[in-house]
Amino acid sequence: MGRRLFEHFGPIRSQKLCSGYGFVEFEMKESSQMAIQSLHGTQLRDRVLQVKVAANSNYSTRPVRLQVCGLMGASEAEVRRLFARFDVSAVSVSSTGGAFVNVASPSAAQEAVRVLDGCDWHGSKLQVKFRSSVSGAP
């Protein structure tokens, strides 16, 4: 069971594979639901897959980190205004035109990517994508 089996369902936050079983944590709950519906009960090599939600999963309270490119010259305040409707919890802007934006929920992050990715920012095309899990400040 490899990452490729699961990655087309959505961004993967973490993955741990052991002999005969594994754990895959997606950035969004919707991705895990699609993986369960598509893969549970299917045959892989000589085994039937059991794909289900782990007992301790909690998607609703975890912030999601987005990486934004194409923000040359943007201030933290401008990035906060750009993402204001997506419930931003933290912003870190670099001098190279990039930023990390922590959004309070997976659904808000998914909407931010859908709405802002590819938009024009003062003549530059924004790239908004999911990053690894949030662990403290951006």
Protein backbone atom coordinates (compact mmCIF):
# COMPACT_ATOMS: atom_id res chain seq x y z
CA MET A 1 0.00 0.00 0.00
CA GLY A 2 1.72 3.17 -1.13
CA ARG A 3 1.14 6.88 -1.19
CA ARG A 4 0.14 6.70 -4.86
CA LEU A 5 -2.88 4.59 -3.95
CA PHE A 6 -4.30 7.45 -1.87
CA GLU A 7 -2.87 10.73 -3.21
CA HIS A 8 -5.43 11.23 -5.97
CA PHE A 9 -8.18 11.58 -3.32
CA GLY A 10 -6.61 14.81 -2.01
CA PRO A 11 -3.63 16.29 -0.17
CA ILE A 12 -2.10 13.88 2.35
CA ARG A 13 -1.08 15.31 5.72
CA SER A 14 0.80 12.23 6.90
CA GLN A 15 1.21 8.56 6.17
CA LYS A 16 2.61 5.66 8.17
CA LEU A 17 2.91 2.23 6.62
CA CYS A 18 3.58 -0.90 8.62
CA SER A 19 3.68 -4.57 7.70
CA GLY A 20 0.12 -5.44 6.71
CA TYR A 21 -1.52 -2.14 7.67
CA GLY A 22 -1.09 1.60 7.51
CA PHE A 23 -2.47 5.00 8.39
CA VAL A 24 -3.14 7.82 5.94
CA GLU A 25 -4.22 11.23 7.20
CA PHE A 26 -5.70 13.59 4.64
CA GLU A 27 -5.84 17.37 4.91
CA MET A 28 -9.61 17.29 4.37
CA LYS A 29 -12.34 15.04 5.70
CA GLU A 30 -13.91 14.88 2.23
CA SER A 31 -10.75 13.23 0.87
CA SER A 32 -10.87 10.49 3.48
CA GLN A 33 -14.55 9.86 2.74
CA MET A 34 -13.80 9.47 -0.99
CA ALA A 35 -10.92 7.07 -0.24
CA ILE A 36 -13.13 4.97 2.02
CA GLN A 37 -15.95 4.80 -0.55
CA SER A 38 -13.59 3.94 -3.40
CA LEU A 39 -11.12 1.56 -1.75
CA HIS A 40 -12.84 -0.26 1.13
CA GLY A 41 -13.37 -3.89 0.16
CA THR A 42 -11.22 -3.78 -2.98
CA GLN A 43 -8.53 -6.36 -3.63
CA LEU A 44 -4.86 -5.33 -3.60
CA ARG A 45 -2.52 -8.18 -4.46
CA ASP A 46 -3.65 -11.05 -2.20
CA ARG A 47 -5.52 -8.92 0.38
CA VAL A 48 -8.90 -7.25 0.66
CA LEU A 49 -8.48 -3.64 1.80
CA GLN A 50 -10.23 -2.40 4.91
CA VAL A 51 -10.30 1.39 4.67
CA LYS A 52 -12.00 3.22 7.53
CA VAL A 53 -11.72 6.29 9.74
CA ALA A 54 -9.29 5.87 12.64
CA ALA A 55 -10.79 6.07 16.11
CA ASN A 56 -8.93 9.28 17.05
CA SER A 57 -9.35 11.36 13.88
CA ASN A 58 -10.58 14.94 14.33
CA TYR A 59 -10.60 17.03 11.15
CA SER A 60 -12.94 19.77 12.30
CA THR A 61 -10.63 21.45 14.83
CA ARG A 62 -7.30 21.40 12.99
CA PRO A 63 -6.05 24.45 11.13
CA VAL A 64 -4.80 23.92 7.60
CA ARG A 65 -1.68 25.55 6.17
CA LEU A 66 -1.79 26.99 2.68
CA GLN A 67 1.21 28.11 0.66
CA VAL A 68 0.66 31.16 -1.52
CA CYS A 69 2.99 32.27 -4.33
CA GLY A 70 2.75 35.38 -6.47
CA LEU A 71 2.41 37.97 -3.70
CA MET A 72 5.49 40.07 -4.49
CA GLY A 73 5.49 43.19 -2.33
CA ALA A 74 2.44 42.15 -0.29
CA SER A 75 2.27 43.02 3.39
CA GLU A 76 0.87 40.76 6.09
CA ALA A 77 -2.17 43.06 6.34
CA GLU A 78 -2.84 42.73 2.59
CA VAL A 79 -2.62 38.94 2.74
CA ARG A 80 -4.96 38.89 5.76
CA ARG A 81 -7.48 41.02 3.80
CA LEU A 82 -7.18 38.72 0.77
CA PHE A 83 -7.96 35.66 2.93
CA ALA A 84 -10.32 37.39 5.40
CA ARG A 85 -13.46 35.49 4.39
CA PHE A 86 -11.69 32.14 4.92
CA ASP A 87 -11.19 32.43 8.71
CA VAL A 88 -7.42 33.02 8.84
CA SER A 89 -5.65 32.21 12.11
CA ALA A 90 -2.05 33.17 11.15
CA VAL A 91 -0.08 34.66 8.25
CA SER A 92 3.64 34.70 7.49
CA VAL A 93 4.83 36.70 4.47
CA SER A 94 8.29 36.38 2.90
CA SER A 95 10.20 38.98 0.92
CA THR A 96 10.29 36.59 -2.05
CA GLY A 97 6.57 36.99 -2.80
CA GLY A 98 5.35 33.96 -0.91
CA ALA A 99 3.28 33.44 2.21
CA PHE A 100 1.99 30.75 4.50
CA VAL A 101 -1.59 31.20 5.61
CA ASN A 102 -3.18 29.12 8.35
CA VAL A 103 -6.90 28.71 7.79
CA ALA A 104 -9.09 27.53 10.66
CA SER A 105 -10.77 24.57 8.94
CA PRO A 106 -10.24 22.17 6.06
CA SER A 107 -13.45 23.27 4.36
CA ALA A 108 -12.41 26.95 4.52
CA ALA A 109 -8.98 26.03 3.14
CA GLN A 110 -10.52 24.07 0.29
CA GLU A 111 -12.73 27.06 -0.56
CA ALA A 112 -9.75 29.44 -0.42
CA VAL A 113 -7.83 27.27 -2.88
CA ARG A 114 -10.88 27.01 -5.15
CA VAL A 115 -11.54 30.77 -5.14
CA LEU A 116 -8.02 32.27 -5.06
CA ASP A 117 -5.77 29.85 -6.97
CA GLY A 118 -5.05 31.38 -10.38
CA CYS A 119 -6.43 34.83 -9.49
CA ASP A 120 -4.62 37.99 -10.52
CA TRP A 121 -2.67 39.84 -7.81
CA HIS A 122 -1.34 43.14 -9.19
CA GLY A 123 -0.33 41.51 -12.48
CA SER A 124 0.90 38.25 -10.95
CA LYS A 125 -1.01 34.96 -11.01
CA LEU A 126 -1.61 33.60 -7.49
CA GLN A 127 -0.79 29.99 -6.70
CA VAL A 128 -2.59 28.69 -3.62
CA LYS A 129 -1.97 25.11 -2.52
CA PHE A 130 -2.08 22.88 0.52
CA ARG A 131 1.06 22.45 2.62
CA SER A 132 1.99 20.10 5.44
CA SER A 133 0.18 20.17 8.76
CA VAL A 134 0.29 23.17 11.05
CA SER A 135 2.48 22.89 14.11
CA GLY A 136 2.49 26.24 15.79
CA ALA A 137 3.01 29.55 14.05
CA PRO A 138 3.50 29.69 10.27
